Amino acid sequence: IGHFLRKSSLDELPQLWNVLLGQMSLVGPRPIQENEIAKYDGAFRMYQMVPPGITGLWQVSGRNNTSYRERVQLDTYYVRNWSIWIDLYILIRTIRTVFFQEGAY
């Protein structure tokens, strides 16, 4: 069951509660784990400028087929260039990515 939940991204559904509480956004960089902060160097400050999101640019740009460096670059691009249109693009692509399970574990 766990593999199915992960592959279909249904394991992310509890995070909708965090969105309703205002702790997260639907779209934005994924939350950074405390033990990963050092890997982000100066980009960590960029991540702190926006609330973390359930889905983001790197999730719809290859998901687990992207390197760590590419993920940071995509998230940094998102923060610098944020617009409602980018969020809408990401939300539409997220539906496709989840439906076709592109780049999932």
PDB file of N, CA and C in Angstrom:
ATOM      1  N   ILE A   1       0.833  -1.192   0.000  1.00  0.00           N
ATOM      2  CA  ILE A   1       0.000   0.000   0.000  1.00  0.00           C
ATOM      3  C   ILE A   1       0.875   1.251   0.000  1.00  0.00           C
ATOM      4  N   GLY A   2       1.941   1.230   0.802  1.00  0.00           N
ATOM      5  CA  GLY A   2       2.826   2.390   0.890  1.00  0.00           C
ATOM      6  C   GLY A   2       3.427   2.763  -0.450  1.00  0.00           C
ATOM      7  N   HIS A   3       3.832   1.750  -1.214  1.00  0.00           N
ATOM      8  CA  HIS A   3       4.417   2.012  -2.535  1.00  0.00           C
ATOM      9  C   HIS A   3       3.389   2.684  -3.444  1.00  0.00           C
ATOM     10  N   PHE A   4       2.155   2.207  -3.423  1.00  0.00           N
ATOM     11  CA  PHE A   4       1.095   2.807  -4.237  1.00  0.00           C
ATOM     12  C   PHE A   4       0.847   4.252  -3.815  1.00  0.00           C
ATOM     13  N   LEU A   5       0.767   4.495  -2.496  1.00  0.00           N
ATOM     14  CA  LEU A   5       0.526   5.856  -2.007  1.00  0.00           C
ATOM     15  C   LEU A   5       1.637   6.800  -2.453  1.00  0.00           C
ATOM     16  N   ARG A   6       2.890   6.334  -2.362  1.00  0.00           N
ATOM     17  CA  ARG A   6       4.026   7.173  -2.757  1.00  0.00           C
ATOM     18  C   ARG A   6       4.028   7.405  -4.267  1.00  0.00           C
ATOM     19  N   LYS A   7       3.842   6.349  -5.028  1.00  0.00           N
ATOM     20  CA  LYS A   7       3.891   6.455  -6.489  1.00  0.00           C
ATOM     21  C   LYS A   7       2.774   7.351  -7.025  1.00  0.00           C
ATOM     22  N   SER A   8       1.617   7.325  -6.387  1.00  0.00           N
ATOM     23  CA  SER A   8       0.487   8.144  -6.829  1.00  0.00           C
ATOM     24  C   SER A   8       0.459   9.515  -6.156  1.00  0.00           C
ATOM     25  N   SER A   9       1.416   9.770  -5.274  1.00  0.00           N
ATOM     26  CA  SER A   9       1.526  11.031  -4.522  1.00  0.00           C
ATOM     27  C   SER A   9       0.384  11.245  -3.535  1.00  0.00           C
ATOM     28  N   LEU A  10      -0.397  10.219  -3.266  1.00  0.00           N
ATOM     29  CA  LEU A  10      -1.483  10.346  -2.293  1.00  0.00           C
ATOM     30  C   LEU A  10      -0.953  10.530  -0.873  1.00  0.00           C
ATOM     31  N   ASP A  11       0.311  10.179  -0.654  1.00  0.00           N
ATOM     32  CA  ASP A  11       0.909  10.382   0.667  1.00  0.00           C
ATOM     33  C   ASP A  11       1.074  11.863   0.991  1.00  0.00           C
ATOM     34  N   GLU A  12       0.912  12.724   0.006  1.00  0.00           N
ATOM     35  CA  GLU A  12       1.030  14.169   0.210  1.00  0.00           C
ATOM     36  C   GLU A  12      -0.269  14.795   0.713  1.00  0.00           C
ATOM     37  N   LEU A  13      -1.386  14.080   0.640  1.00  0.00           N
ATOM     38  CA  LEU A  13      -2.685  14.645   1.005  1.00  0.00           C
ATOM     39  C   LEU A  13      -2.747  15.232   2.417  1.00  0.00           C
ATOM     40  N   PRO A  14      -2.126  14.621   3.439  1.00  0.00           N
ATOM     41  CA  PRO A  14      -2.189  15.239   4.773  1.00  0.00           C
ATOM     42  C   PRO A  14      -1.620  16.659   4.817  1.00  0.00           C
ATOM     43  N   GLN A  15      -0.751  17.007   3.870  1.00  0.00           N
ATOM     44  CA  GLN A  15      -0.185  18.353   3.851  1.00  0.00           C
ATOM     45  C   GLN A  15      -1.217  19.406   3.472  1.00  0.00           C
ATOM     46  N   LEU A  16      -2.346  18.989   2.921  1.00  0.00           N
ATOM     47  CA  LEU A  16      -3.420  19.953   2.643  1.00  0.00           C
ATOM     48  C   LEU A  16      -3.889  20.610   3.937  1.00  0.00           C
ATOM     49  N   TRP A  17      -3.810  19.874   5.039  1.00  0.00           N
ATOM     50  CA  TRP A  17      -4.156  20.438   6.347  1.00  0.00           C
ATOM     51  C   TRP A  17      -3.222  21.600   6.671  1.00  0.00           C
ATOM     52  N   ASN A  18      -1.935  21.426   6.387  1.00  0.00           N
ATOM     53  CA  ASN A  18      -0.967  22.496   6.615  1.00  0.00           C
ATOM     54  C   ASN A  18      -1.269  23.719   5.755  1.00  0.00           C
ATOM     55  N   VAL A  19      -1.775  23.500   4.545  1.00  0.00           N
ATOM     56  CA  VAL A  19      -2.167  24.614   3.673  1.00  0.00           C
ATOM     57  C   VAL A  19      -3.344  25.350   4.300  1.00  0.00           C
ATOM     58  N   LEU A  20      -4.336  24.608   4.775  1.00  0.00           N
ATOM     59  CA  LEU A  20      -5.508  25.228   5.399  1.00  0.00           C
ATOM     60  C   LEU A  20      -5.140  26.019   6.648  1.00  0.00           C
ATOM     61  N   LEU A  21      -4.116  25.568   7.367  1.00  0.00           N
ATOM     62  CA  LEU A  21      -3.654  26.268   8.572  1.00  0.00           C
ATOM     63  C   LEU A  21      -2.743  27.451   8.245  1.00  0.00           C
ATOM     64  N   GLY A  22      -2.399  27.620   6.969  1.00  0.00           N
ATOM     65  CA  GLY A  22      -1.538  28.726   6.565  1.00  0.00           C
ATOM     66  C   GLY A  22      -0.058  28.462   6.776  1.00  0.00           C
ATOM     67  N   GLN A  23       0.309  27.221   7.052  1.00  0.00           N
ATOM     68  CA  GLN A  23       1.707  26.864   7.283  1.00  0.00           C
ATOM     69  C   GLN A  23       2.442  26.534   5.984  1.00  0.00           C
ATOM     70  N   MET A  24       1.679  26.193   4.959  1.00  0.00           N
ATOM     71  CA  MET A  24       2.242  25.848   3.656  1.00  0.00           C
ATOM     72  C   MET A  24       1.373  26.467   2.571  1.00  0.00           C
ATOM     73  N   SER A  25       1.899  26.420   1.363  1.00  0.00           N
ATOM     74  CA  SER A  25       1.165  26.859   0.181  1.00  0.00           C
ATOM     75  C   SER A  25       0.967  25.640  -0.719  1.00  0.00           C
ATOM     76  N   LEU A  26       0.024  25.721  -1.631  1.00  0.00           N
ATOM     77  CA  LEU A  26      -0.106  24.629  -2.596  1.00  0.00           C
ATOM     78  C   LEU A  26       1.140  24.545  -3.467  1.00  0.00           C
ATOM     79  N   VAL A  27       1.646  25.717  -3.899  1.00  0.00           N
ATOM     80  CA  VAL A  27       2.804  25.771  -4.790  1.00  0.00           C
ATOM     81  C   VAL A  27       3.935  26.526  -4.104  1.00  0.00           C
ATOM     82  N   GLY A  28       5.123  25.968  -4.193  1.00  0.00           N
ATOM     83  CA  GLY A  28       6.308  26.595  -3.621  1.00  0.00           C
ATOM     84  C   GLY A  28       7.397  25.555  -3.473  1.00  0.00           C
ATOM     85  N   PRO A  29       8.581  25.964  -3.105  1.00  0.00           N
ATOM     86  CA  PRO A  29       9.648  24.991  -2.876  1.00  0.00           C
ATOM     87  C   PRO A  29       9.264  24.035  -1.752  1.00  0.00           C
ATOM     88  N   ARG A  30       9.676  22.803  -1.863  1.00  0.00           N
ATOM     89  CA  ARG A  30       9.407  21.822  -0.815  1.00  0.00           C
ATOM     90  C   ARG A  30      10.088  22.262   0.478  1.00  0.00           C
ATOM     91  N   PRO A  31       9.522  21.880   1.627  1.00  0.00           N
ATOM     92  CA  PRO A  31      10.178  22.216   2.900  1.00  0.00           C
ATOM     93  C   PRO A  31      11.571  21.586   2.957  1.00  0.00           C
ATOM     94  N   ILE A  32      12.506  22.317   3.530  1.00  0.00           N
ATOM     95  CA  ILE A  32      13.878  21.824   3.661  1.00  0.00           C
ATOM     96  C   ILE A  32      14.045  21.204   5.038  1.00  0.00           C
ATOM     97  N   GLN A  33      14.597  20.006   5.062  1.00  0.00           N
ATOM     98  CA  GLN A  33      14.881  19.330   6.320  1.00  0.00           C
ATOM     99  C   GLN A  33      16.073  20.013   6.996  1.00  0.00           C
ATOM    100  N   GLU A  34      16.038  20.040   8.299  1.00  0.00           N
ATOM    101  CA  GLU A  34      17.097  20.688   9.086  1.00  0.00           C
ATOM    102  C   GLU A  34      18.486  20.181   8.697  1.00  0.00           C
ATOM    103  N   ASN A  35      18.616  18.866   8.497  1.00  0.00           N
ATOM    104  CA  ASN A  35      19.930  18.284   8.188  1.00  0.00           C
ATOM    105  C   ASN A  35      20.376  18.552   6.745  1.00  0.00           C
ATOM    106  N   GLU A  36      19.524  19.176   5.913  1.00  0.00           N
ATOM    107  CA  GLU A  36      19.883  19.472   4.525  1.00  0.00           C
ATOM    108  C   GLU A  36      20.252  20.933   4.289  1.00  0.00           C
ATOM    109  N   ILE A  37      20.086  21.786   5.286  1.00  0.00           N
ATOM    110  CA  ILE A  37      20.301  23.228   5.109  1.00  0.00           C
ATOM    111  C   ILE A  37      21.688  23.534   4.551  1.00  0.00           C
ATOM    112  N   ALA A  38      22.711  22.856   5.033  1.00  0.00           N
ATOM    113  CA  ALA A  38      24.083  23.124   4.586  1.00  0.00           C
ATOM    114  C   ALA A  38      24.262  22.870   3.091  1.00  0.00           C
ATOM    115  N   LYS A  39      23.491  21.966   2.515  1.00  0.00           N
ATOM    116  CA  LYS A  39      23.605  21.649   1.087  1.00  0.00           C
ATOM    117  C   LYS A  39      23.131  22.794   0.195  1.00  0.00           C
ATOM    118  N   TYR A  40      22.344  23.703   0.749  1.00  0.00           N
ATOM    119  CA  TYR A  40      21.735  24.760  -0.047  1.00  0.00           C
ATOM    120  C   TYR A  40      22.579  26.028  -0.122  1.00  0.00           C
ATOM    121  N   ASP A  41      23.618  26.129   0.681  1.00  0.00           N
ATOM    122  CA  ASP A  41      24.488  27.306   0.694  1.00  0.00           C
ATOM    123  C   ASP A  41      23.657  28.588   0.740  1.00  0.00           C
ATOM    124  N   GLY A  42      23.918  29.522  -0.161  1.00  0.00           N
ATOM    125  CA  GLY A  42      23.212  30.800  -0.175  1.00  0.00           C
ATOM    126  C   GLY A  42      21.767  30.696  -0.626  1.00  0.00           C
ATOM    127  N   ALA A  43      21.402  29.605  -1.283  1.00  0.00           N
ATOM    128  CA  ALA A  43      20.029  29.447  -1.779  1.00  0.00           C
ATOM    129  C   ALA A  43      19.032  29.274  -0.641  1.00  0.00           C
ATOM    130  N   PHE A  44      19.497  28.893   0.537  1.00  0.00           N
ATOM    131  CA  PHE A  44      18.577  28.687   1.659  1.00  0.00           C
ATOM    132  C   PHE A  44      17.812  29.965   1.987  1.00  0.00           C
ATOM    133  N   ARG A  45      18.476  31.095   1.877  1.00  0.00           N
ATOM    134  CA  ARG A  45      17.790  32.374   2.138  1.00  0.00           C
ATOM    135  C   ARG A  45      16.646  32.599   1.151  1.00  0.00           C
ATOM    136  N   MET A  46      16.849  32.188  -0.085  1.00  0.00           N
ATOM    137  CA  MET A  46      15.784  32.304  -1.087  1.00  0.00           C
ATOM    138  C   MET A  46      14.570  31.477  -0.667  1.00  0.00           C
ATOM    139  N   TYR A  47      14.822  30.291  -0.165  1.00  0.00           N
ATOM    140  CA  TYR A  47      13.737  29.404   0.254  1.00  0.00           C
ATOM    141  C   TYR A  47      12.930  30.017   1.393  1.00  0.00           C
ATOM    142  N   GLN A  48      13.580  30.786   2.230  1.00  0.00           N
ATOM    143  CA  GLN A  48      12.898  31.389   3.370  1.00  0.00           C
ATOM    144  C   GLN A  48      12.010  32.564   2.967  1.00  0.00           C
ATOM    145  N   MET A  49      12.096  33.009   1.725  1.00  0.00           N
ATOM    146  CA  MET A  49      11.325  34.163   1.273  1.00  0.00           C
ATOM    147  C   MET A  49       9.875  33.807   0.932  1.00  0.00           C
ATOM    148  N   VAL A  50       9.595  32.523   0.748  1.00  0.00           N
ATOM    149  CA  VAL A  50       8.247  32.079   0.392  1.00  0.00           C
ATOM    150  C   VAL A  50       7.861  30.896   1.280  1.00  0.00           C
ATOM    151  N   PRO A  51       6.562  30.698   1.480  1.00  0.00           N
ATOM    152  CA  PRO A  51       6.160  29.526   2.263  1.00  0.00           C
ATOM    153  C   PRO A  51       6.447  28.245   1.487  1.00  0.00           C
ATOM    154  N   PRO A  52       6.742  27.165   2.186  1.00  0.00           N
ATOM    155  CA  PRO A  52       6.967  25.896   1.491  1.00  0.00           C
ATOM    156  C   PRO A  52       5.682  25.428   0.825  1.00  0.00           C
ATOM    157  N   GLY A  53       5.824  24.631  -0.219  1.00  0.00           N
ATOM    158  CA  GLY A  53       4.663  24.173  -0.961  1.00  0.00           C
ATOM    159  C   GLY A  53       4.578  22.663  -1.070  1.00  0.00           C
ATOM    160  N   ILE A  54       3.391  22.200  -1.404  1.00  0.00           N
ATOM    161  CA  ILE A  54       3.173  20.772  -1.625  1.00  0.00           C
ATOM    162  C   ILE A  54       3.760  20.355  -2.968  1.00  0.00           C
ATOM    163  N   THR A  55       3.617  21.217  -3.958  1.00  0.00           N
ATOM    164  CA  THR A  55       4.189  20.950  -5.268  1.00  0.00           C
ATOM    165  C   THR A  55       4.983  22.171  -5.704  1.00  0.00           C
ATOM    166  N   GLY A  56       5.898  21.949  -6.617  1.00  0.00           N
ATOM    167  CA  GLY A  56       6.729  23.051  -7.066  1.00  0.00           C
ATOM    168  C   GLY A  56       7.275  22.801  -8.452  1.00  0.00           C
ATOM    169  N   LEU A  57       8.121  23.712  -8.885  1.00  0.00           N
ATOM    170  CA  LEU A  57       8.645  23.657 -10.245  1.00  0.00           C
ATOM    171  C   LEU A  57       9.452  22.390 -10.508  1.00  0.00           C
ATOM    172  N   TRP A  58      10.287  21.965  -9.558  1.00  0.00           N
ATOM    173  CA  TRP A  58      11.086  20.774  -9.847  1.00  0.00           C
ATOM    174  C   TRP A  58      10.241  19.513  -9.847  1.00  0.00           C
ATOM    175  N   GLN A  59       9.140  19.499  -9.117  1.00  0.00           N
ATOM    176  CA  GLN A  59       8.287  18.313  -9.130  1.00  0.00           C
ATOM    177  C   GLN A  59       7.640  18.104 -10.499  1.00  0.00           C
ATOM    178  N   VAL A  60       7.390  19.185 -11.223  1.00  0.00           N
ATOM    179  CA  VAL A  60       6.784  19.050 -12.554  1.00  0.00           C
ATOM    180  C   VAL A  60       7.828  19.131 -13.664  1.00  0.00           C
ATOM    181  N   SER A  61       9.096  19.183 -13.286  1.00  0.00           N
ATOM    182  CA  SER A  61      10.187  19.263 -14.264  1.00  0.00           C
ATOM    183  C   SER A  61      11.077  18.035 -14.185  1.00  0.00           C
ATOM    184  N   GLY A  62      10.496  16.908 -13.886  1.00  0.00           N
ATOM    185  CA  GLY A  62      11.272  15.680 -13.847  1.00  0.00           C
ATOM    186  C   GLY A  62      11.196  14.950 -12.528  1.00  0.00           C
ATOM    187  N   ARG A  63      10.699  15.605 -11.506  1.00  0.00           N
ATOM    188  CA  ARG A  63      10.509  15.014 -10.185  1.00  0.00           C
ATOM    189  C   ARG A  63      11.779  14.328  -9.721  1.00  0.00           C
ATOM    190  N   ASN A  64      11.766  13.025  -9.544  1.00  0.00           N
ATOM    191  CA  ASN A  64      12.937  12.318  -9.026  1.00  0.00           C
ATOM    192  C   ASN A  64      13.988  12.036 -10.093  1.00  0.00           C
ATOM    193  N   ASN A  65      13.747  12.486 -11.310  1.00  0.00           N
ATOM    194  CA  ASN A  65      14.735  12.339 -12.375  1.00  0.00           C
ATOM    195  C   ASN A  65      15.656  13.556 -12.464  1.00  0.00           C
ATOM    196  N   THR A  66      15.515  14.504 -11.539  1.00  0.00           N
ATOM    197  CA  THR A  66      16.363  15.696 -11.527  1.00  0.00           C
ATOM    198  C   THR A  66      17.439  15.549 -10.458  1.00  0.00           C
ATOM    199  N   SER A  67      18.572  16.182 -10.692  1.00  0.00           N
ATOM    200  CA  SER A  67      19.640  16.158  -9.698  1.00  0.00           C
ATOM    201  C   SER A  67      19.313  17.152  -8.581  1.00  0.00           C
ATOM    202  N   TYR A  68      20.023  17.015  -7.490  1.00  0.00           N
ATOM    203  CA  TYR A  68      19.833  17.921  -6.359  1.00  0.00           C
ATOM    204  C   TYR A  68      20.107  19.359  -6.780  1.00  0.00           C
ATOM    205  N   ARG A  69      21.169  19.536  -7.543  1.00  0.00           N
ATOM    206  CA  ARG A  69      21.526  20.880  -8.012  1.00  0.00           C
ATOM    207  C   ARG A  69      20.428  21.468  -8.900  1.00  0.00           C
ATOM    208  N   GLU A  70      19.868  20.649  -9.791  1.00  0.00           N
ATOM    209  CA  GLU A  70      18.780  21.121 -10.660  1.00  0.00           C
ATOM    210  C   GLU A  70      17.560  21.525  -9.840  1.00  0.00           C
ATOM    211  N   ARG A  71      17.273  20.780  -8.790  1.00  0.00           N
ATOM    212  CA  ARG A  71      16.142  21.109  -7.922  1.00  0.00           C
ATOM    213  C   ARG A  71      16.324  22.485  -7.290  1.00  0.00           C
ATOM    214  N   VAL A  72      17.509  22.726  -6.783  1.00  0.00           N
ATOM    215  CA  VAL A  72      17.790  24.020  -6.159  1.00  0.00           C
ATOM    216  C   VAL A  72      17.672  25.134  -7.197  1.00  0.00           C
ATOM    217  N   GLN A  73      18.200  24.913  -8.398  1.00  0.00           N
ATOM    218  CA  GLN A  73      18.108  25.923  -9.460  1.00  0.00           C
ATOM    219  C   GLN A  73      16.655  26.203  -9.838  1.00  0.00           C
ATOM    220  N   LEU A  74      15.849  25.164  -9.960  1.00  0.00           N
ATOM    221  CA  LEU A  74      14.439  25.346 -10.321  1.00  0.00           C
ATOM    222  C   LEU A  74      13.680  26.081  -9.224  1.00  0.00           C
ATOM    223  N   ASP A  75      13.929  25.709  -7.971  1.00  0.00           N
ATOM    224  CA  ASP A  75      13.249  26.385  -6.867  1.00  0.00           C
ATOM    225  C   ASP A  75      13.689  27.837  -6.748  1.00  0.00           C
ATOM    226  N   THR A  76      14.968  28.107  -6.961  1.00  0.00           N
ATOM    227  CA  THR A  76      15.469  29.476  -6.921  1.00  0.00           C
ATOM    228  C   THR A  76      14.839  30.300  -8.046  1.00  0.00           C
ATOM    229  N   TYR A  77      14.729  29.704  -9.220  1.00  0.00           N
ATOM    230  CA  TYR A  77      14.062  30.382 -10.338  1.00  0.00           C
ATOM    231  C   TYR A  77      12.624  30.723  -9.956  1.00  0.00           C
ATOM    232  N   TYR A  78      11.932  29.785  -9.342  1.00  0.00           N
ATOM    233  CA  TYR A  78      10.540  30.010  -8.937  1.00  0.00           C
ATOM    234  C   TYR A  78      10.431  31.208  -7.992  1.00  0.00           C
ATOM    235  N   VAL A  79      11.293  31.249  -6.984  1.00  0.00           N
ATOM    236  CA  VAL A  79      11.231  32.343  -6.003  1.00  0.00           C
ATOM    237  C   VAL A  79      11.493  33.685  -6.679  1.00  0.00           C
ATOM    238  N   ARG A  80      12.484  33.737  -7.540  1.00  0.00           N
ATOM    239  CA  ARG A  80      12.845  35.001  -8.202  1.00  0.00           C
ATOM    240  C   ARG A  80      11.800  35.463  -9.216  1.00  0.00           C
ATOM    241  N   ASN A  81      11.084  34.534  -9.810  1.00  0.00           N
ATOM    242  CA  ASN A  81      10.178  34.864 -10.910  1.00  0.00           C
ATOM    243  C   ASN A  81       8.719  34.570 -10.596  1.00  0.00           C
ATOM    244  N   TRP A  82       8.371  34.488  -9.335  1.00  0.00           N
ATOM    245  CA  TRP A  82       7.018  34.094  -8.963  1.00  0.00           C
ATOM    246  C   TRP A  82       5.963  34.963  -9.639  1.00  0.00           C
ATOM    247  N   SER A  83       4.907  34.300 -10.084  1.00  0.00           N
ATOM    248  CA  SER A  83       3.710  34.983 -10.581  1.00  0.00           C
ATOM    249  C   SER A  83       2.543  34.012 -10.454  1.00  0.00           C
ATOM    250  N   ILE A  84       1.350  34.525 -10.494  1.00  0.00           N
ATOM    251  CA  ILE A  84       0.169  33.668 -10.441  1.00  0.00           C
ATOM    252  C   ILE A  84       0.151  32.719 -11.632  1.00  0.00           C
ATOM    253  N   TRP A  85       0.707  33.166 -12.758  1.00  0.00           N
ATOM    254  CA  TRP A  85       0.741  32.337 -13.963  1.00  0.00           C
ATOM    255  C   TRP A  85       1.673  31.148 -13.793  1.00  0.00           C
ATOM    256  N   ILE A  86       2.788  31.362 -13.123  1.00  0.00           N
ATOM    257  CA  ILE A  86       3.693  30.237 -12.859  1.00  0.00           C
ATOM    258  C   ILE A  86       3.004  29.243 -11.929  1.00  0.00           C
ATOM    259  N   ASP A  87       2.312  29.742 -10.901  1.00  0.00           N
ATOM    260  CA  ASP A  87       1.590  28.842 -10.000  1.00  0.00           C
ATOM    261  C   ASP A  87       0.530  28.041 -10.752  1.00  0.00           C
ATOM    262  N   LEU A  88      -0.220  28.693 -11.623  1.00  0.00           N
ATOM    263  CA  LEU A  88      -1.240  27.980 -12.403  1.00  0.00           C
ATOM    264  C   LEU A  88      -0.607  26.931 -13.313  1.00  0.00           C
ATOM    265  N   TYR A  89       0.496  27.291 -13.950  1.00  0.00           N
ATOM    266  CA  TYR A  89       1.228  26.340 -14.792  1.00  0.00           C
ATOM    267  C   TYR A  89       1.650  25.123 -13.973  1.00  0.00           C
ATOM    268  N   ILE A  90       2.213  25.367 -12.796  1.00  0.00           N
ATOM    269  CA  ILE A  90       2.685  24.275 -11.947  1.00  0.00           C
ATOM    270  C   ILE A  90       1.513  23.406 -11.490  1.00  0.00           C
ATOM    271  N   LEU A  91       0.404  24.013 -11.101  1.00  0.00           N
ATOM    272  CA  LEU A  91      -0.757  23.234 -10.664  1.00  0.00           C
ATOM    273  C   LEU A  91      -1.294  22.351 -11.791  1.00  0.00           C
ATOM    274  N   ILE A  92      -1.379  22.891 -12.998  1.00  0.00           N
ATOM    275  CA  ILE A  92      -1.851  22.096 -14.138  1.00  0.00           C
ATOM    276  C   ILE A  92      -0.884  20.962 -14.446  1.00  0.00           C
ATOM    277  N   ARG A  93       0.405  21.274 -14.443  1.00  0.00           N
ATOM    278  CA  ARG A  93       1.420  20.234 -14.695  1.00  0.00           C
ATOM    279  C   ARG A  93       1.438  19.192 -13.583  1.00  0.00           C
ATOM    280  N   THR A  94       1.139  19.605 -12.348  1.00  0.00           N
ATOM    281  CA  THR A  94       1.113  18.661 -11.233  1.00  0.00           C
ATOM    282  C   THR A  94       0.044  17.601 -11.458  1.00  0.00           C
ATOM    283  N   ILE A  95      -1.121  18.024 -11.908  1.00  0.00           N
ATOM    284  CA  ILE A  95      -2.200  17.067 -12.175  1.00  0.00           C
ATOM    285  C   ILE A  95      -1.744  16.038 -13.206  1.00  0.00           C
ATOM    286  N   ARG A  96      -1.116  16.512 -14.268  1.00  0.00           N
ATOM    287  CA  ARG A  96      -0.609  15.602 -15.306  1.00  0.00           C
ATOM    288  C   ARG A  96       0.484  14.685 -14.754  1.00  0.00           C
ATOM    289  N   THR A  97       1.406  15.259 -14.000  1.00  0.00           N
ATOM    290  CA  THR A  97       2.519  14.495 -13.452  1.00  0.00           C
ATOM    291  C   THR A  97       2.023  13.394 -12.526  1.00  0.00           C
ATOM    292  N   VAL A  98       1.067  13.715 -11.665  1.00  0.00           N
ATOM    293  CA  VAL A  98       0.520  12.720 -10.738  1.00  0.00           C
ATOM    294  C   VAL A  98      -0.281  11.672 -11.505  1.00  0.00           C
ATOM    295  N   PHE A  99      -1.105  12.114 -12.446  1.00  0.00           N
ATOM    296  CA  PHE A  99      -1.948  11.188 -13.197  1.00  0.00           C
ATOM    297  C   PHE A  99      -1.116  10.169 -13.965  1.00  0.00           C
ATOM    298  N   PHE A 100      -0.047  10.630 -14.613  1.00  0.00           N
ATOM    299  CA  PHE A 100       0.801   9.737 -15.395  1.00  0.00           C
ATOM    300  C   PHE A 100       1.984   9.198 -14.592  1.00  0.00           C
ATOM    301  N   GLN A 101       2.064   9.563 -13.324  1.00  0.00           N
ATOM    302  CA  GLN A 101       3.114   9.098 -12.408  1.00  0.00           C
ATOM    303  C   GLN A 101       4.504   9.308 -12.999  1.00  0.00           C
ATOM    304  N   GLU A 102       4.724  10.486 -13.553  1.00  0.00           N
ATOM    305  CA  GLU A 102       6.002  10.823 -14.177  1.00  0.00           C
ATOM    306  C   GLU A 102       7.065  11.096 -13.121  1.00  0.00           C
ATOM    307  N   GLY A 103       8.160  10.361 -13.185  1.00  0.00           N
ATOM    308  CA  GLY A 103       9.277  10.586 -12.282  1.00  0.00           C
ATOM    309  C   GLY A 103       9.017  10.193 -10.846  1.00  0.00           C
ATOM    310  N   ALA A 104       7.973   9.419 -10.585  1.00  0.00           N
ATOM    311  CA  ALA A 104       7.648   9.016  -9.216  1.00  0.00           C
ATOM    312  C   ALA A 104       8.585   7.916  -8.754  1.00  0.00           C
ATOM    313  N   TYR A 105       8.654   7.746  -7.447  1.00  0.00           N
ATOM    314  CA  TYR A 105       9.497   6.698  -6.860  1.00  0.00           C
ATOM    315  C   TYR A 105       9.107   5.341  -7.379  1.00  0.00           C
TER     316      TYR A 105
END
